[in-house]
């Protein structure tokens, strides 16, 4: 059985003035490959995540990202290729 890594773009909106705090916390997660704050745009923080399965991503999303302070909302874009 071939295992493929799940690749996800994670976009986050945070409480005003807290984007860098969230960026630093997200950056510390082992699943995160890249994280950036956005100066002007729809989202405040964008991260690229690689993870082993959809179930692992669900756990990551709920147990790690969802429990961070200052997050107003987040959306996941799971890639189909790449």
N, C-alpha and C. Protein backbone atom coordinates (compact mmCIF):
# COMPACT_ATOMS: atom_id res chain seq x y z
N UNK A 1 0.83 -1.18 0.00
CA UNK A 1 0.00 0.00 0.00
C UNK A 1 0.87 1.25 0.00
N UNK A 2 0.59 2.16 -0.90
CA UNK A 2 1.36 3.41 -1.00
C UNK A 2 0.78 4.43 -0.04
N UNK A 3 1.64 4.99 0.77
CA UNK A 3 1.21 6.06 1.69
C UNK A 3 1.57 7.40 1.07
N UNK A 4 0.61 8.27 1.04
CA UNK A 4 0.85 9.61 0.52
C UNK A 4 0.70 10.61 1.65
N UNK A 5 1.55 11.59 1.65
CA UNK A 5 1.45 12.65 2.62
C UNK A 5 0.30 13.58 2.23
N UNK A 6 -0.52 13.93 3.19
CA UNK A 6 -1.60 14.89 2.97
C UNK A 6 -1.00 16.29 3.10
N UNK A 7 -1.26 17.13 2.10
CA UNK A 7 -0.74 18.50 2.10
C UNK A 7 -1.91 19.47 2.21
N UNK A 8 -1.77 20.39 3.15
CA UNK A 8 -2.88 21.29 3.48
C UNK A 8 -2.38 22.72 3.58
N UNK A 9 -3.13 23.64 2.96
CA UNK A 9 -2.93 25.06 3.21
C UNK A 9 -3.93 25.45 4.29
N UNK A 10 -3.43 25.99 5.38
CA UNK A 10 -4.24 26.38 6.53
C UNK A 10 -4.24 27.90 6.60
N UNK A 11 -5.44 28.50 6.57
CA UNK A 11 -5.56 29.96 6.65
C UNK A 11 -6.24 30.30 7.97
N UNK A 12 -5.72 31.34 8.62
CA UNK A 12 -6.18 31.66 9.97
C UNK A 12 -6.45 33.15 10.10
N UNK A 13 -7.56 33.48 10.74
CA UNK A 13 -7.86 34.85 11.13
C UNK A 13 -7.74 34.93 12.64
N UNK A 14 -7.07 35.99 13.12
CA UNK A 14 -6.81 36.11 14.54
C UNK A 14 -7.28 37.47 15.06
N UNK A 15 -7.32 37.56 16.38
CA UNK A 15 -7.63 38.83 17.04
C UNK A 15 -6.57 39.85 16.63
N UNK A 16 -7.00 41.07 16.40
CA UNK A 16 -6.09 42.14 15.96
C UNK A 16 -4.85 42.23 16.85
N UNK A 17 -3.70 42.29 16.21
CA UNK A 17 -2.43 42.42 16.92
C UNK A 17 -1.82 41.12 17.39
N UNK A 18 -2.43 39.99 17.08
CA UNK A 18 -1.93 38.69 17.57
C UNK A 18 -1.41 37.77 16.47
N UNK A 19 -1.30 38.24 15.25
CA UNK A 19 -0.87 37.38 14.14
C UNK A 19 0.52 36.80 14.37
N UNK A 20 1.45 37.59 14.85
CA UNK A 20 2.81 37.08 15.06
C UNK A 20 2.86 36.05 16.20
N UNK A 21 2.04 36.26 17.22
CA UNK A 21 1.97 35.27 18.31
C UNK A 21 1.50 33.92 17.77
N UNK A 22 0.46 33.96 16.96
CA UNK A 22 -0.08 32.73 16.39
C UNK A 22 0.91 32.12 15.40
N UNK A 23 1.54 32.96 14.58
CA UNK A 23 2.55 32.45 13.64
C UNK A 23 3.64 31.69 14.40
N UNK A 24 4.13 32.26 15.47
CA UNK A 24 5.20 31.62 16.23
C UNK A 24 4.75 30.29 16.84
N UNK A 25 3.53 30.24 17.33
CA UNK A 25 3.02 29.00 17.93
C UNK A 25 2.81 27.93 16.85
N UNK A 26 2.20 28.32 15.72
CA UNK A 26 1.97 27.38 14.62
C UNK A 26 3.30 26.85 14.09
N UNK A 27 4.30 27.72 14.02
CA UNK A 27 5.62 27.32 13.52
C UNK A 27 6.24 26.23 14.38
N UNK A 28 5.88 26.16 15.64
CA UNK A 28 6.48 25.16 16.54
C UNK A 28 5.89 23.76 16.36
N UNK A 29 4.78 23.64 15.64
CA UNK A 29 4.17 22.33 15.43
C UNK A 29 4.96 21.55 14.38
N UNK A 30 5.27 20.30 14.66
CA UNK A 30 6.11 19.48 13.77
C UNK A 30 5.48 19.25 12.41
N UNK A 31 4.17 19.32 12.28
CA UNK A 31 3.49 19.09 11.01
C UNK A 31 3.60 20.28 10.05
N UNK A 32 3.96 21.43 10.57
CA UNK A 32 3.98 22.67 9.78
C UNK A 32 5.33 22.82 9.08
N UNK A 33 5.27 23.02 7.77
CA UNK A 33 6.48 23.19 6.95
C UNK A 33 6.81 24.65 6.69
N UNK A 34 5.77 25.49 6.64
CA UNK A 34 5.96 26.92 6.35
C UNK A 34 4.80 27.67 6.97
N UNK A 35 5.08 28.82 7.56
CA UNK A 35 4.01 29.67 8.10
C UNK A 35 4.40 31.13 7.90
N UNK A 36 3.42 31.94 7.49
CA UNK A 36 3.67 33.35 7.19
C UNK A 36 2.54 34.21 7.73
N UNK A 37 2.88 35.40 8.19
CA UNK A 37 1.85 36.39 8.48
C UNK A 37 1.57 37.16 7.20
N UNK A 38 0.35 37.63 7.05
CA UNK A 38 -0.08 38.34 5.86
C UNK A 38 -0.31 39.80 6.23
N UNK A 39 0.27 40.72 5.46
CA UNK A 39 0.16 42.15 5.77
C UNK A 39 -1.22 42.70 5.43
N UNK A 40 -1.65 42.51 4.21
CA UNK A 40 -2.97 42.98 3.79
C UNK A 40 -3.63 41.85 3.00
N UNK A 41 -4.72 41.34 3.50
CA UNK A 41 -5.39 40.26 2.80
C UNK A 41 -6.56 39.72 3.60
N UNK A 42 -7.16 38.70 3.07
CA UNK A 42 -8.32 38.09 3.70
C UNK A 42 -7.96 37.35 4.98
N UNK A 43 -6.76 36.80 5.05
CA UNK A 43 -6.33 36.02 6.20
C UNK A 43 -5.16 36.70 6.89
N UNK A 44 -4.94 36.38 8.15
CA UNK A 44 -3.84 36.95 8.93
C UNK A 44 -2.59 36.08 8.92
N UNK A 45 -2.80 34.77 8.90
CA UNK A 45 -1.70 33.79 8.92
C UNK A 45 -2.04 32.69 7.93
N UNK A 46 -1.02 32.26 7.17
CA UNK A 46 -1.18 31.14 6.25
C UNK A 46 -0.06 30.15 6.55
N UNK A 47 -0.43 28.86 6.64
CA UNK A 47 0.56 27.82 6.92
C UNK A 47 0.41 26.69 5.90
N UNK A 48 1.53 26.02 5.66
CA UNK A 48 1.53 24.82 4.82
C UNK A 48 1.84 23.65 5.74
N UNK A 49 0.96 22.66 5.73
CA UNK A 49 1.04 21.52 6.65
C UNK A 49 1.17 20.23 5.85
N UNK A 50 2.05 19.34 6.28
CA UNK A 50 2.16 18.00 5.71
C UNK A 50 1.90 17.01 6.85
N UNK A 51 1.02 16.05 6.57
CA UNK A 51 0.61 15.13 7.62
C UNK A 51 0.27 13.77 6.97
N UNK A 52 0.28 12.72 7.74
CA UNK A 52 0.16 11.37 7.21
C UNK A 52 -1.23 10.93 6.77
N UNK A 53 -2.27 11.45 7.39
CA UNK A 53 -3.61 11.00 7.04
C UNK A 53 -4.63 12.09 7.33
N UNK A 54 -5.82 11.94 6.77
CA UNK A 54 -6.89 12.89 7.04
C UNK A 54 -7.30 12.84 8.51
N UNK A 55 -7.28 11.67 9.09
CA UNK A 55 -7.60 11.55 10.52
C UNK A 55 -6.57 12.28 11.37
N UNK A 56 -5.28 12.14 11.02
CA UNK A 56 -4.23 12.88 11.73
C UNK A 56 -4.44 14.39 11.58
N UNK A 57 -4.86 14.82 10.38
CA UNK A 57 -5.09 16.25 10.18
C UNK A 57 -6.28 16.72 11.01
N UNK A 58 -7.30 15.92 11.08
CA UNK A 58 -8.46 16.27 11.90
C UNK A 58 -8.02 16.48 13.35
N UNK A 59 -7.22 15.56 13.87
CA UNK A 59 -6.71 15.68 15.23
C UNK A 59 -5.85 16.92 15.39
N UNK A 60 -4.94 17.16 14.45
CA UNK A 60 -4.09 18.35 14.46
C UNK A 60 -4.95 19.62 14.48
N UNK A 61 -5.93 19.66 13.61
CA UNK A 61 -6.78 20.83 13.47
C UNK A 61 -7.57 21.11 14.76
N UNK A 62 -8.15 20.09 15.34
CA UNK A 62 -8.98 20.27 16.53
C UNK A 62 -8.14 20.44 17.79
N UNK A 63 -7.17 19.55 17.99
CA UNK A 63 -6.44 19.51 19.26
C UNK A 63 -5.30 20.52 19.36
N UNK A 64 -4.73 20.91 18.25
CA UNK A 64 -3.64 21.88 18.30
C UNK A 64 -4.12 23.27 17.86
N UNK A 65 -4.55 23.39 16.63
CA UNK A 65 -4.94 24.70 16.10
C UNK A 65 -6.19 25.23 16.80
N UNK A 66 -7.18 24.40 16.92
CA UNK A 66 -8.45 24.84 17.49
C UNK A 66 -8.39 25.27 18.94
N UNK A 67 -7.36 24.87 19.65
CA UNK A 67 -7.24 25.22 21.06
C UNK A 67 -6.33 26.42 21.32
N UNK A 68 -5.78 27.01 20.24
CA UNK A 68 -4.93 28.18 20.42
C UNK A 68 -5.76 29.41 20.79
N UNK A 69 -5.22 30.26 21.67
CA UNK A 69 -5.93 31.50 21.98
C UNK A 69 -5.82 32.48 20.80
N UNK A 70 -6.71 33.44 20.76
CA UNK A 70 -6.69 34.56 19.80
C UNK A 70 -7.15 34.19 18.39
N UNK A 71 -7.44 32.92 18.12
CA UNK A 71 -7.92 32.55 16.79
C UNK A 71 -9.41 32.82 16.69
N UNK A 72 -9.78 33.57 15.66
CA UNK A 72 -11.20 33.84 15.41
C UNK A 72 -11.81 32.78 14.50
N UNK A 73 -11.04 32.33 13.51
CA UNK A 73 -11.55 31.36 12.53
C UNK A 73 -10.37 30.79 11.76
N UNK A 74 -10.54 29.58 11.25
CA UNK A 74 -9.52 29.02 10.35
C UNK A 74 -10.19 28.10 9.34
N UNK A 75 -9.52 28.01 8.19
CA UNK A 75 -10.03 27.20 7.09
C UNK A 75 -8.90 26.35 6.54
N UNK A 76 -9.22 25.13 6.16
CA UNK A 76 -8.23 24.21 5.60
C UNK A 76 -8.52 23.97 4.14
N UNK A 77 -7.47 24.00 3.33
CA UNK A 77 -7.54 23.68 1.91
C UNK A 77 -6.66 22.46 1.69
N UNK A 78 -7.29 21.29 1.54
CA UNK A 78 -6.55 20.04 1.36
C UNK A 78 -6.28 19.87 -0.13
N UNK A 79 -5.02 19.68 -0.48
CA UNK A 79 -4.64 19.58 -1.89
C UNK A 79 -4.99 18.22 -2.47
N UNK A 80 -5.24 18.19 -3.75
CA UNK A 80 -5.53 16.95 -4.45
C UNK A 80 -4.33 16.45 -5.25
N UNK A 81 -3.36 17.30 -5.44
CA UNK A 81 -2.14 16.91 -6.16
C UNK A 81 -0.97 17.67 -5.59
N UNK A 82 0.21 17.37 -6.09
CA UNK A 82 1.38 18.10 -5.64
C UNK A 82 2.08 17.37 -4.60
